[in-house]
């Protein structure tokens, strides 16, 4: 009986509920490095290369990824474009609304594949992507090792 009264009138510790911290999660979708074949000198047949390209476009459409960024690479000492690095992203908010989940797919498109890419995706490289070519970080380098150009 004494234990019964102790349980009723004793101070109970309230459970502390810690809210989830706000933040972001990044999910990089694994894919090949290039739109098409990895190596320009590869002997892969055209059907296999076409299948690789269609698979990449299918990934973008299935995951509802949106075109975000593009960065052009130029030949050394030239104004001629060599390739473009493109990034597709999709941001979704968690059910509680405190987290943003970012899914990202990125790859390189060679200059000779620009028109084919635009036809397959119905996107314009110049109008639908934000061009980051001119943005260079000129601050102090924080890496311990030197970076290869």
N, C-alpha and C. Protein backbone atom coordinates (compact mmCIF):
# COMPACT_ATOMS: atom_id res chain seq x y z
N UNK A 1 0.81 -1.18 0.00
CA UNK A 1 0.00 0.00 0.00
C UNK A 1 0.87 1.26 0.00
N UNK A 2 1.95 1.20 0.76
CA UNK A 2 2.86 2.33 0.82
C UNK A 2 3.48 2.61 -0.56
N UNK A 3 3.84 1.58 -1.30
CA UNK A 3 4.39 1.74 -2.64
C UNK A 3 3.37 2.36 -3.60
N UNK A 4 2.11 2.03 -3.38
CA UNK A 4 1.06 2.58 -4.23
C UNK A 4 0.99 4.10 -4.09
N UNK A 5 1.04 4.61 -2.83
CA UNK A 5 1.00 6.05 -2.60
C UNK A 5 2.29 6.73 -3.08
N UNK A 6 3.42 6.04 -2.93
CA UNK A 6 4.67 6.61 -3.42
C UNK A 6 4.62 6.81 -4.93
N UNK A 7 4.08 5.83 -5.63
CA UNK A 7 3.98 5.92 -7.09
C UNK A 7 3.05 7.05 -7.52
N UNK A 8 1.98 7.27 -6.76
CA UNK A 8 1.00 8.29 -7.15
C UNK A 8 1.54 9.69 -6.88
N UNK A 9 2.15 9.91 -5.71
CA UNK A 9 2.54 11.25 -5.30
C UNK A 9 4.01 11.61 -5.56
N UNK A 10 4.78 10.64 -6.01
CA UNK A 10 6.19 10.97 -6.28
C UNK A 10 6.30 11.74 -7.60
N UNK A 11 7.35 12.55 -7.71
CA UNK A 11 7.57 13.32 -8.93
C UNK A 11 8.06 12.39 -10.03
N UNK A 12 7.40 12.48 -11.13
CA UNK A 12 7.79 11.64 -12.27
C UNK A 12 8.64 12.49 -13.21
N UNK A 13 9.68 11.88 -13.71
CA UNK A 13 10.52 12.58 -14.68
C UNK A 13 9.82 12.58 -16.03
N UNK A 14 9.71 13.78 -16.57
CA UNK A 14 9.09 13.89 -17.88
C UNK A 14 10.09 13.48 -18.95
N UNK A 15 9.57 12.79 -19.94
CA UNK A 15 10.43 12.39 -21.05
C UNK A 15 10.74 13.61 -21.90
N UNK A 16 12.01 13.81 -22.16
CA UNK A 16 12.42 14.94 -22.98
C UNK A 16 12.34 14.51 -24.45
N UNK A 17 11.62 15.30 -25.21
CA UNK A 17 11.50 15.03 -26.63
C UNK A 17 12.34 16.07 -27.36
N UNK A 18 13.38 15.57 -28.03
CA UNK A 18 14.23 16.47 -28.77
C UNK A 18 13.75 16.53 -30.22
N UNK A 19 13.48 17.72 -30.72
CA UNK A 19 13.04 17.81 -32.12
C UNK A 19 14.20 17.51 -33.06
N UNK A 20 13.86 17.01 -34.23
CA UNK A 20 14.88 16.76 -35.24
C UNK A 20 15.47 18.07 -35.70
N UNK A 21 16.76 18.08 -35.86
CA UNK A 21 17.43 19.28 -36.32
C UNK A 21 17.12 19.53 -37.80
N UNK A 22 17.00 20.79 -38.18
CA UNK A 22 16.84 21.07 -39.60
C UNK A 22 18.14 20.81 -40.35
N UNK A 23 18.03 20.52 -41.60
CA UNK A 23 19.24 20.28 -42.37
C UNK A 23 18.94 19.75 -43.75
N UNK A 24 19.99 19.25 -44.39
CA UNK A 24 19.88 18.71 -45.75
C UNK A 24 20.54 17.34 -45.81
N UNK A 25 20.00 16.51 -46.66
CA UNK A 25 20.66 15.25 -46.99
C UNK A 25 20.90 15.25 -48.49
N UNK A 26 22.03 14.71 -48.90
CA UNK A 26 22.35 14.64 -50.32
C UNK A 26 22.43 13.19 -50.75
N UNK A 27 21.79 12.91 -51.86
CA UNK A 27 21.80 11.57 -52.43
C UNK A 27 22.32 11.69 -53.86
N UNK A 28 23.56 11.32 -54.07
CA UNK A 28 24.12 11.38 -55.42
C UNK A 28 23.81 10.06 -56.11
N UNK A 29 23.16 10.16 -57.24
CA UNK A 29 22.75 8.98 -58.00
C UNK A 29 23.96 8.51 -58.81
N UNK A 30 24.31 7.27 -58.62
CA UNK A 30 25.48 6.71 -59.29
C UNK A 30 25.17 6.46 -60.75
N UNK A 31 26.01 6.98 -61.61
CA UNK A 31 25.84 6.83 -63.04
C UNK A 31 27.20 6.92 -63.71
N UNK A 32 27.24 6.66 -64.99
CA UNK A 32 28.52 6.77 -65.69
C UNK A 32 28.92 8.24 -65.77
N UNK A 33 30.18 8.46 -66.01
CA UNK A 33 30.73 9.81 -65.98
C UNK A 33 30.33 10.65 -67.19
N UNK A 34 30.11 9.98 -68.32
CA UNK A 34 29.82 10.69 -69.56
C UNK A 34 28.43 10.34 -70.08
N UNK A 35 27.88 11.25 -70.86
CA UNK A 35 26.65 10.98 -71.60
C UNK A 35 27.06 10.18 -72.83
N UNK A 36 26.86 8.90 -72.78
CA UNK A 36 27.32 8.03 -73.86
C UNK A 36 28.44 7.14 -73.38
N UNK A 37 29.50 7.08 -74.14
CA UNK A 37 30.60 6.17 -73.86
C UNK A 37 31.69 6.88 -73.06
N UNK A 38 32.31 6.17 -72.14
CA UNK A 38 33.35 6.75 -71.29
C UNK A 38 34.56 7.20 -72.10
N UNK A 39 34.97 6.40 -73.04
CA UNK A 39 36.20 6.66 -73.77
C UNK A 39 35.88 7.01 -75.22
N UNK A 40 36.42 8.11 -75.70
CA UNK A 40 36.19 8.50 -77.09
C UNK A 40 36.72 7.47 -78.08
N UNK A 41 37.79 6.78 -77.72
CA UNK A 41 38.42 5.81 -78.61
C UNK A 41 37.85 4.41 -78.43
N UNK A 42 36.77 4.31 -77.70
CA UNK A 42 36.17 3.01 -77.43
C UNK A 42 35.59 2.41 -78.71
N UNK A 43 35.58 1.09 -78.76
CA UNK A 43 35.06 0.39 -79.92
C UNK A 43 33.64 -0.13 -79.68
N UNK A 44 32.92 0.50 -78.74
CA UNK A 44 31.54 0.10 -78.48
C UNK A 44 30.68 0.43 -79.69
N UNK A 45 29.75 -0.46 -79.99
CA UNK A 45 28.91 -0.21 -81.16
C UNK A 45 27.87 0.88 -80.87
N UNK A 46 27.31 1.44 -81.91
CA UNK A 46 26.41 2.57 -81.78
C UNK A 46 25.12 2.20 -81.03
N UNK A 47 24.67 0.96 -81.17
CA UNK A 47 23.46 0.52 -80.47
C UNK A 47 23.69 0.51 -78.96
N UNK A 48 24.85 0.06 -78.54
CA UNK A 48 25.17 0.02 -77.11
C UNK A 48 25.28 1.44 -76.55
N UNK A 49 25.90 2.35 -77.30
CA UNK A 49 26.03 3.73 -76.85
C UNK A 49 24.66 4.40 -76.77
N UNK A 50 23.80 4.12 -77.75
CA UNK A 50 22.45 4.68 -77.75
C UNK A 50 21.67 4.17 -76.54
N UNK A 51 21.84 2.91 -76.20
CA UNK A 51 21.15 2.33 -75.05
C UNK A 51 21.61 2.98 -73.74
N UNK A 52 22.91 3.28 -73.65
CA UNK A 52 23.45 3.95 -72.46
C UNK A 52 22.85 5.35 -72.33
N UNK A 53 22.77 6.06 -73.44
CA UNK A 53 22.20 7.42 -73.42
C UNK A 53 20.72 7.39 -73.04
N UNK A 54 19.97 6.47 -73.60
CA UNK A 54 18.54 6.36 -73.28
C UNK A 54 18.33 6.00 -71.82
N UNK A 55 19.20 5.16 -71.28
CA UNK A 55 19.11 4.77 -69.88
C UNK A 55 19.31 5.98 -68.97
N UNK A 56 20.24 6.85 -69.33
CA UNK A 56 20.49 8.04 -68.52
C UNK A 56 19.30 9.00 -68.58
N UNK A 57 18.71 9.18 -69.76
CA UNK A 57 17.52 10.03 -69.91
C UNK A 57 16.36 9.43 -69.13
N UNK A 58 16.23 8.11 -69.15
CA UNK A 58 15.18 7.43 -68.40
C UNK A 58 15.34 7.68 -66.90
N UNK A 59 16.58 7.65 -66.39
CA UNK A 59 16.84 7.94 -64.98
C UNK A 59 16.36 9.34 -64.62
N UNK A 60 16.67 10.31 -65.46
CA UNK A 60 16.30 11.70 -65.20
C UNK A 60 14.78 11.84 -65.15
N UNK A 61 14.10 11.22 -66.08
CA UNK A 61 12.63 11.34 -66.13
C UNK A 61 11.95 10.56 -65.01
N UNK A 62 12.45 9.38 -64.70
CA UNK A 62 11.85 8.55 -63.65
C UNK A 62 11.93 9.23 -62.30
N UNK A 63 13.07 9.86 -62.01
CA UNK A 63 13.28 10.50 -60.72
C UNK A 63 12.79 11.95 -60.69
N UNK A 64 12.20 12.43 -61.77
CA UNK A 64 11.69 13.80 -61.87
C UNK A 64 12.75 14.84 -61.53
N UNK A 65 13.96 14.63 -62.04
CA UNK A 65 15.05 15.56 -61.77
C UNK A 65 14.93 16.78 -62.68
N UNK A 66 15.29 17.92 -62.16
CA UNK A 66 15.22 19.17 -62.90
C UNK A 66 16.61 19.65 -63.29
N UNK A 67 16.76 20.29 -64.44
CA UNK A 67 18.08 20.81 -64.82
C UNK A 67 18.47 21.96 -63.90
N UNK A 68 19.70 21.92 -63.36
CA UNK A 68 20.13 22.96 -62.43
C UNK A 68 21.33 23.74 -62.94
N UNK A 69 22.47 23.07 -63.08
CA UNK A 69 23.71 23.79 -63.36
C UNK A 69 24.44 23.21 -64.57
N UNK A 70 25.22 24.07 -65.21
CA UNK A 70 26.09 23.65 -66.31
C UNK A 70 27.40 24.41 -66.18
N UNK A 71 28.49 23.73 -66.51
CA UNK A 71 29.80 24.36 -66.52
C UNK A 71 30.53 23.88 -67.77
N UNK A 72 30.89 24.82 -68.62
CA UNK A 72 31.56 24.48 -69.87
C UNK A 72 33.07 24.35 -69.64
N UNK A 73 33.67 23.43 -70.38
CA UNK A 73 35.12 23.27 -70.40
C UNK A 73 35.59 23.61 -71.80
N UNK A 74 36.62 24.45 -71.87
CA UNK A 74 37.15 24.89 -73.15
C UNK A 74 38.49 24.24 -73.42
N UNK A 75 38.83 24.11 -74.71
CA UNK A 75 40.17 23.67 -75.07
C UNK A 75 41.17 24.72 -74.61
N UNK A 76 42.36 24.32 -74.25
CA UNK A 76 43.37 25.27 -73.76
C UNK A 76 43.68 26.31 -74.84
N UNK A 77 43.77 27.55 -74.41
CA UNK A 77 44.10 28.69 -75.29
C UNK A 77 43.13 28.79 -76.47
N UNK A 78 41.87 28.51 -76.23
CA UNK A 78 40.90 28.55 -77.31
C UNK A 78 39.54 28.94 -76.77
N UNK A 79 38.69 29.42 -77.65
CA UNK A 79 37.31 29.74 -77.29
C UNK A 79 36.37 28.59 -77.61
N UNK A 80 36.88 27.51 -78.20
CA UNK A 80 36.06 26.38 -78.61
C UNK A 80 35.70 25.51 -77.41
N UNK A 81 34.41 25.18 -77.29
CA UNK A 81 33.92 24.37 -76.18
C UNK A 81 34.33 22.92 -76.38
N UNK A 82 34.86 22.32 -75.33
CA UNK A 82 35.26 20.91 -75.37
C UNK A 82 34.13 20.03 -74.85
N UNK A 83 33.55 20.41 -73.70
CA UNK A 83 32.49 19.61 -73.10
C UNK A 83 31.71 20.47 -72.10
N UNK A 84 30.67 19.88 -71.54
CA UNK A 84 29.87 20.57 -70.54
C UNK A 84 29.54 19.58 -69.43
N UNK A 85 29.69 20.02 -68.20
CA UNK A 85 29.34 19.21 -67.04
C UNK A 85 27.96 19.69 -66.59
N UNK A 86 26.96 18.80 -66.62
CA UNK A 86 25.59 19.18 -66.27
C UNK A 86 25.17 18.50 -64.98
N UNK A 87 24.29 19.19 -64.24
CA UNK A 87 23.79 18.68 -62.96
C UNK A 87 22.27 18.78 -62.96
N UNK A 88 21.64 17.67 -62.64
CA UNK A 88 20.19 17.63 -62.45
C UNK A 88 19.93 17.39 -60.97
N UNK A 89 18.96 18.09 -60.39
CA UNK A 89 18.64 17.92 -58.98
C UNK A 89 17.14 17.91 -58.75
N UNK A 90 16.77 17.32 -57.62
CA UNK A 90 15.39 17.34 -57.16
C UNK A 90 15.44 17.53 -55.64
N UNK A 91 14.71 18.53 -55.16
CA UNK A 91 14.64 18.77 -53.72
C UNK A 91 13.26 18.39 -53.22
N UNK A 92 13.23 17.58 -52.17
CA UNK A 92 11.96 17.21 -51.54
C UNK A 92 12.07 17.51 -50.06
N UNK A 93 10.95 17.91 -49.46
CA UNK A 93 10.90 18.22 -48.04
C UNK A 93 10.41 16.99 -47.29
N UNK A 94 10.97 16.76 -46.11
CA UNK A 94 10.54 15.61 -45.31
C UNK A 94 9.12 15.83 -44.82
N UNK A 95 8.51 14.78 -44.28
CA UNK A 95 7.13 14.87 -43.82
C UNK A 95 6.97 15.87 -42.69
N UNK A 96 7.97 15.98 -41.85
CA UNK A 96 7.90 16.94 -40.74
C UNK A 96 8.24 18.36 -41.19
N UNK A 97 8.86 18.48 -42.34
CA UNK A 97 9.17 19.80 -42.87
C UNK A 97 10.47 20.39 -42.38
N UNK A 98 11.28 19.61 -41.68
CA UNK A 98 12.52 20.16 -41.14
C UNK A 98 13.76 19.76 -41.93
N UNK A 99 13.62 18.88 -42.90
CA UNK A 99 14.76 18.41 -43.69
C UNK A 99 14.46 18.59 -45.18
N UNK A 100 15.51 18.87 -45.91
CA UNK A 100 15.41 18.93 -47.37
C UNK A 100 16.29 17.81 -47.91
N UNK A 101 15.71 16.95 -48.70
CA UNK A 101 16.44 15.84 -49.30
C UNK A 101 16.74 16.21 -50.76
N UNK A 102 18.02 16.21 -51.11
CA UNK A 102 18.44 16.59 -52.45
C UNK A 102 18.95 15.35 -53.17
N UNK A 103 18.35 15.03 -54.31
CA UNK A 103 18.83 13.95 -55.17
C UNK A 103 19.53 14.61 -56.35
N UNK A 104 20.70 14.08 -56.71
CA UNK A 104 21.50 14.73 -57.75
C UNK A 104 22.06 13.71 -58.73
N UNK A 105 22.03 14.07 -60.00
CA UNK A 105 22.62 13.27 -61.07
C UNK A 105 23.48 14.21 -61.90
N UNK A 106 24.74 13.86 -62.10
CA UNK A 106 25.65 14.73 -62.84
C UNK A 106 26.49 13.90 -63.80
N UNK A 107 26.78 14.48 -64.97
CA UNK A 107 27.62 13.81 -65.95
C UNK A 107 28.16 14.84 -66.93
N UNK A 108 29.07 14.39 -67.79
CA UNK A 108 29.72 15.25 -68.76
C UNK A 108 29.18 14.93 -70.15
N UNK A 109 28.90 16.00 -70.90
CA UNK A 109 28.44 15.85 -72.29
C UNK A 109 29.52 16.41 -73.19
N UNK A 110 29.96 15.61 -74.12
CA UNK A 110 30.94 16.11 -75.10
C UNK A 110 30.26 17.04 -76.09
N UNK A 111 31.04 17.94 -76.67
CA UNK A 111 30.51 18.96 -77.58
C UNK A 111 29.76 18.33 -78.76
N UNK A 112 30.25 17.22 -79.28
CA UNK A 112 29.59 16.59 -80.42
C UNK A 112 28.24 15.96 -80.06
N UNK A 113 27.95 15.80 -78.76
CA UNK A 113 26.69 15.22 -78.32
C UNK A 113 25.67 16.26 -77.85
N UNK A 114 26.00 17.55 -77.93
CA UNK A 114 25.10 18.60 -77.43
C UNK A 114 23.73 18.54 -78.10
N UNK A 115 23.71 18.50 -79.43
CA UNK A 115 22.42 18.50 -80.15
C UNK A 115 21.60 17.26 -79.84
N UNK A 116 22.25 16.12 -79.79
CA UNK A 116 21.53 14.88 -79.49
C UNK A 116 20.94 14.92 -78.09
N UNK A 117 21.70 15.43 -77.14
CA UNK A 117 21.21 15.55 -75.76
C UNK A 117 19.99 16.47 -75.70
N UNK A 118 20.07 17.61 -76.37
CA UNK A 118 18.95 18.55 -76.35
C UNK A 118 17.69 17.94 -76.98
N UNK A 119 17.85 17.17 -78.06
CA UNK A 119 16.70 16.52 -78.69
C UNK A 119 16.10 15.44 -77.80
N UNK A 120 16.96 14.66 -77.14
CA UNK A 120 16.48 13.54 -76.33
C UNK A 120 15.77 14.03 -75.06
N UNK A 121 16.21 15.16 -74.51
CA UNK A 121 15.66 15.64 -73.24
C UNK A 121 14.65 16.77 -73.41
N UNK A 122 14.57 17.34 -74.60
CA UNK A 122 13.74 18.52 -74.84
C UNK A 122 14.15 19.69 -73.94
N UNK A 123 15.44 19.80 -73.70
CA UNK A 123 15.99 20.88 -72.89
C UNK A 123 17.00 21.66 -73.72
N UNK A 124 17.21 22.90 -73.34
CA UNK A 124 18.24 23.72 -73.96
C UNK A 124 19.38 23.89 -72.97
N UNK A 125 20.59 23.60 -73.40
CA UNK A 125 21.73 23.75 -72.50
C UNK A 125 21.94 25.20 -72.09
N UNK A 126 21.63 26.12 -72.96
CA UNK A 126 21.87 27.53 -72.66
C UNK A 126 20.74 28.17 -71.87
N UNK A 127 19.50 27.72 -72.05
CA UNK A 127 18.36 28.38 -71.42
C UNK A 127 17.87 27.68 -70.15
N UNK A 128 17.95 26.37 -70.08
CA UNK A 128 17.36 25.63 -68.96
C UNK A 128 18.31 25.39 -67.80
N UNK A 129 19.59 25.59 -67.99
CA UNK A 129 20.58 25.37 -66.94
C UNK A 129 21.17 26.70 -66.50
N UNK A 130 21.57 26.79 -65.26
CA UNK A 130 22.27 27.98 -64.76
C UNK A 130 23.76 27.79 -65.05
N UNK A 131 24.33 28.72 -65.79
CA UNK A 131 25.72 28.61 -66.22
C UNK A 131 26.66 29.06 -65.11
N UNK A 132 27.52 28.15 -64.67
CA UNK A 132 28.49 28.45 -63.61
C UNK A 132 29.92 28.52 -64.14
N UNK A 133 30.08 28.65 -65.44
CA UNK A 133 31.40 28.63 -66.06
C UNK A 133 32.28 29.76 -65.55
N UNK A 134 31.72 30.95 -65.38
CA UNK A 134 32.52 32.11 -65.01
C UNK A 134 32.78 32.24 -63.52
N UNK A 135 32.15 31.40 -62.71
CA UNK A 135 32.33 31.50 -61.26
C UNK A 135 33.54 30.69 -60.84
N UNK A 136 34.53 31.37 -60.31
CA UNK A 136 35.75 30.72 -59.84
C UNK A 136 35.97 31.11 -58.38
N UNK A 137 36.36 30.15 -57.57
CA UNK A 137 36.67 30.42 -56.18
C UNK A 137 38.10 30.95 -56.11
N UNK A 138 38.25 32.17 -55.63
CA UNK A 138 39.57 32.79 -55.57
C UNK A 138 40.05 32.98 -54.13
N UNK A 139 39.41 32.32 -53.21
CA UNK A 139 39.80 32.45 -51.80
C UNK A 139 40.98 31.56 -51.44
N UNK A 140 41.27 31.50 -50.16
CA UNK A 140 42.38 30.69 -49.67
C UNK A 140 42.03 29.21 -49.78
N UNK A 141 42.97 28.44 -50.32
CA UNK A 141 42.76 27.00 -50.49
C UNK A 141 42.90 26.30 -49.14
N UNK A 142 41.90 25.50 -48.78
CA UNK A 142 41.92 24.82 -47.49
C UNK A 142 42.39 23.38 -47.60
N UNK A 143 42.64 22.90 -48.79
CA UNK A 143 43.09 21.53 -48.97
C UNK A 143 44.54 21.38 -48.52
N UNK A 144 44.85 20.22 -48.01
CA UNK A 144 46.23 19.97 -47.59
C UNK A 144 47.09 19.61 -48.79
N UNK A 145 46.53 18.88 -49.75
CA UNK A 145 47.28 18.52 -50.95
C UNK A 145 46.91 19.51 -52.06
N UNK A 146 47.82 19.64 -52.99
CA UNK A 146 47.52 20.52 -54.13
C UNK A 146 46.55 19.79 -55.06
N UNK A 147 45.75 20.57 -55.74
CA UNK A 147 44.73 20.01 -56.61
C UNK A 147 45.20 20.04 -58.05
N UNK A 148 44.96 18.93 -58.77
CA UNK A 148 45.35 18.86 -60.17
C UNK A 148 44.34 19.60 -61.03
N UNK A 149 44.82 20.30 -62.04
CA UNK A 149 43.90 21.07 -62.91
C UNK A 149 43.37 20.21 -64.01
